[in-house]
Amino acid sequence: MDLVNDQGETVKSYFLAAAFLWIAPGAVVAFEAGDYIDLGSCSPSSQSFAQCAKDVRASCVDVAADNAQYYRSCEHEFFRQADQLLNDYYKIAVIKAKAVERGFDGTAYSGQEELLRQSQRAWLPVRDTTCDLAVSFGALMSGAAAKVSHCKARLTLQRIADLEKEIGFYLK
């Protein structure tokens, strides 16, 4: 449909396109927790690492407000990113441990990589069972999966902070 503007020029109507782009109040809008959570912005070597992670989570949970589905999405994304951050940190720690061992073969420093691996293997079931235990006490409450994700994210971030405190100096 063509319209004529005040100057007498023919103008194409884009009303239909605009109508498709307009979102009615109350319409379902895709919520992506990853749009609100970026744990990569938090540095494990920073003293404010825990506060940064807490603020990052809050930025998503605040947007989720009272929407249980959005809240669960925030918690799952928070754990996914925390787990990825730990995996990245762990990979660097293993590479550095291998480098240390090459330089100190046959000394007290040999075996550092295996010790790190044993520590991580032992820690994972502790994290998982601790979080499962926390939920089992509140099994009747809804959102148990989100509570497990939040617990795992919290303990995962604590693990990164603990590793940074204990071996971070050697990873630089």
Protein backbone atom coordinates (compact mmCIF):
# COMPACT_ATOMS: atom_id res chain seq x y z
CA MET A 1 0.00 0.00 0.00
CA ASP A 2 1.39 3.40 -0.95
CA LEU A 3 0.81 6.57 1.04
CA VAL A 4 1.34 10.20 0.09
CA ASN A 5 3.25 12.36 2.59
CA ASP A 6 2.74 16.11 3.24
CA GLN A 7 5.03 17.01 0.33
CA GLY A 8 2.97 14.95 -2.10
CA GLU A 9 5.63 12.20 -2.40
CA THR A 10 4.63 8.54 -2.58
CA VAL A 11 5.88 6.61 0.43
CA LYS A 12 5.83 2.82 0.85
CA SER A 13 3.95 1.57 3.86
CA TYR A 14 5.92 -0.55 6.29
CA PHE A 15 3.10 -1.00 8.73
CA LEU A 16 2.93 -4.74 8.22
CA ALA A 17 6.64 -5.20 8.91
CA ALA A 18 6.38 -3.00 11.97
CA ALA A 19 3.44 -5.04 13.21
CA PHE A 20 5.50 -8.23 13.00
CA LEU A 21 8.35 -6.63 14.93
CA TRP A 22 6.13 -5.24 17.66
CA ILE A 23 5.91 -7.46 20.69
CA ALA A 24 2.65 -7.31 22.54
CA PRO A 25 2.72 -6.86 26.30
CA GLY A 26 2.77 -10.25 27.98
CA ALA A 27 4.12 -12.00 24.89
CA VAL A 28 6.77 -14.65 25.43
CA VAL A 29 10.26 -13.27 24.82
CA ALA A 30 13.21 -15.64 24.69
CA PHE A 31 15.27 -15.43 27.87
CA GLU A 32 18.92 -16.34 27.54
CA ALA A 33 20.70 -16.48 30.88
CA GLY A 34 24.01 -16.31 29.01
CA ASP A 35 23.09 -12.74 28.06
CA TYR A 36 23.30 -11.81 31.75
CA ILE A 37 26.06 -14.08 33.09
CA ASP A 38 29.72 -13.72 32.15
CA LEU A 39 31.99 -15.36 34.72
CA GLY A 40 34.88 -14.85 32.31
CA SER A 41 34.90 -11.25 33.53
CA CYS A 42 35.94 -12.46 37.01
CA SER A 43 39.63 -13.13 37.56
CA PRO A 44 40.47 -16.03 39.90
CA SER A 45 43.67 -14.24 40.94
CA SER A 46 41.71 -11.20 42.07
CA GLN A 47 40.88 -10.73 45.74
CA SER A 48 37.36 -9.78 44.67
CA PHE A 49 36.79 -13.03 42.71
CA ALA A 50 34.01 -14.30 45.00
CA GLN A 51 32.23 -10.93 45.02
CA CYS A 52 32.53 -10.63 41.24
CA ALA A 53 30.97 -14.08 40.77
CA LYS A 54 28.20 -13.21 43.22
CA ASP A 55 27.46 -9.98 41.34
CA VAL A 56 27.46 -11.78 37.97
CA ARG A 57 24.90 -14.30 39.25
CA ALA A 58 22.80 -11.54 40.78
CA SER A 59 22.64 -9.70 37.45
CA CYS A 60 20.79 -12.68 35.98
CA VAL A 61 18.69 -13.60 39.01
CA ASP A 62 17.52 -9.98 39.34
CA VAL A 63 16.26 -10.02 35.75
CA ALA A 64 14.61 -13.40 36.29
CA ALA A 65 12.65 -11.85 39.16
CA ASP A 66 9.73 -14.10 40.04
CA ASN A 67 9.87 -16.26 36.89
CA ALA A 68 10.87 -19.76 38.07
CA GLN A 69 11.89 -20.90 34.60
CA TYR A 70 14.20 -17.90 34.13
CA TYR A 71 15.61 -18.43 37.61
CA ARG A 72 16.43 -22.07 36.84
CA SER A 73 18.01 -20.96 33.59
CA CYS A 74 20.20 -18.50 35.50
CA GLU A 75 21.34 -21.15 37.97
CA HIS A 76 22.13 -23.71 35.26
CA GLU A 77 24.07 -21.15 33.20
CA PHE A 78 25.92 -19.97 36.31
CA PHE A 79 27.04 -23.54 36.99
CA ARG A 80 27.89 -24.18 33.33
CA GLN A 81 30.17 -21.15 33.26
CA ALA A 82 31.68 -21.89 36.67
CA ASP A 83 32.46 -25.42 35.53
CA GLN A 84 34.03 -24.11 32.32
CA LEU A 85 36.12 -21.62 34.32
CA LEU A 86 37.37 -24.44 36.56
CA ASN A 87 38.14 -26.63 33.53
CA ASP A 88 40.15 -23.80 31.95
CA TYR A 89 41.99 -23.14 35.22
CA TYR A 90 42.67 -26.84 35.71
CA LYS A 91 44.10 -27.21 32.19
CA ILE A 92 46.55 -24.40 32.86
CA ALA A 93 47.48 -25.93 36.22
CA VAL A 94 48.19 -29.31 34.58
CA ILE A 95 50.35 -27.71 31.88
CA LYS A 96 52.31 -25.78 34.51
CA ALA A 97 52.69 -28.88 36.69
CA LYS A 98 54.11 -30.80 33.73
CA ALA A 99 56.57 -27.96 33.08
CA VAL A 100 57.69 -27.97 36.72
CA GLU A 101 58.18 -31.73 36.66
CA ARG A 102 60.35 -31.58 33.54
CA GLY A 103 62.72 -29.21 35.29
CA PHE A 104 62.83 -31.08 38.59
CA ASP A 105 62.65 -34.75 37.64
CA GLY A 106 63.66 -36.98 40.54
CA THR A 107 63.21 -34.26 43.16
CA ALA A 108 60.42 -33.50 45.63
CA TYR A 109 58.66 -31.63 42.84
CA SER A 110 58.17 -34.76 40.74
CA GLY A 111 54.64 -36.12 40.89
CA GLN A 112 52.96 -32.71 41.06
CA GLU A 113 50.79 -33.37 38.00
CA GLU A 114 49.51 -36.68 39.35
CA LEU A 115 48.90 -35.15 42.77
CA LEU A 116 46.87 -32.37 41.13
CA ARG A 117 44.85 -34.92 39.14
CA GLN A 118 44.20 -37.03 42.28
CA SER A 119 43.09 -33.93 44.14
CA GLN A 120 40.65 -32.99 41.39
CA ARG A 121 39.28 -36.53 41.06
CA ALA A 122 38.68 -36.67 44.81
CA TRP A 123 37.07 -33.23 44.92
CA LEU A 124 34.45 -33.79 42.18
CA PRO A 125 32.43 -36.47 44.04
CA VAL A 126 32.61 -34.41 47.24
CA ARG A 127 31.10 -31.42 45.41
CA ASP A 128 28.39 -33.49 43.76
CA THR A 129 27.34 -35.46 46.85
CA THR A 130 27.41 -32.34 49.03
CA CYS A 131 24.98 -30.63 46.66
CA ASP A 132 22.78 -33.71 46.33
CA LEU A 133 22.67 -33.93 50.12
CA ALA A 134 21.63 -30.30 50.42
CA VAL A 135 18.72 -30.89 48.05
CA SER A 136 17.66 -34.17 49.64
CA PHE A 137 16.92 -32.31 52.86
CA GLY A 138 14.57 -30.05 50.92
CA ALA A 139 13.28 -32.69 48.48
CA LEU A 140 9.72 -31.47 48.68
CA MET A 141 10.57 -28.01 47.46
CA SER A 142 10.32 -27.16 43.79
CA GLY A 143 13.39 -26.01 41.93
CA ALA A 144 15.62 -28.77 43.27
CA ALA A 145 17.63 -28.92 40.03
CA ALA A 146 18.29 -25.18 40.22
CA LYS A 147 19.39 -25.56 43.83
CA VAL A 148 21.84 -28.32 42.83
CA SER A 149 23.18 -26.14 40.01
CA HIS A 150 23.64 -23.19 42.35
CA CYS A 151 25.37 -25.37 44.95
CA LYS A 152 27.69 -26.89 42.35
CA ALA A 153 28.50 -23.46 40.93
CA ARG A 154 29.24 -22.08 44.40
CA LEU A 155 31.50 -25.01 45.32
CA THR A 156 33.17 -24.94 41.90
CA LEU A 157 34.02 -21.26 42.28
CA GLN A 158 35.29 -21.98 45.79
CA ARG A 159 37.49 -24.74 44.33
CA ILE A 160 39.00 -22.26 41.87
CA ALA A 161 39.66 -19.82 44.72
CA ASP A 162 41.20 -22.61 46.81
CA LEU A 163 43.46 -23.76 43.96
CA GLU A 164 44.47 -20.16 43.30
CA LYS A 165 45.32 -19.70 46.98
CA GLU A 166 47.32 -22.93 47.25
CA ILE A 167 49.07 -23.19 43.88
CA GLY A 168 48.24 -19.96 42.01
CA PHE A 169 51.68 -18.48 42.65
CA TYR A 170 53.28 -21.39 40.79
CA LEU A 171 50.99 -20.98 37.79
CA LYS A 172 52.17 -17.49 36.91
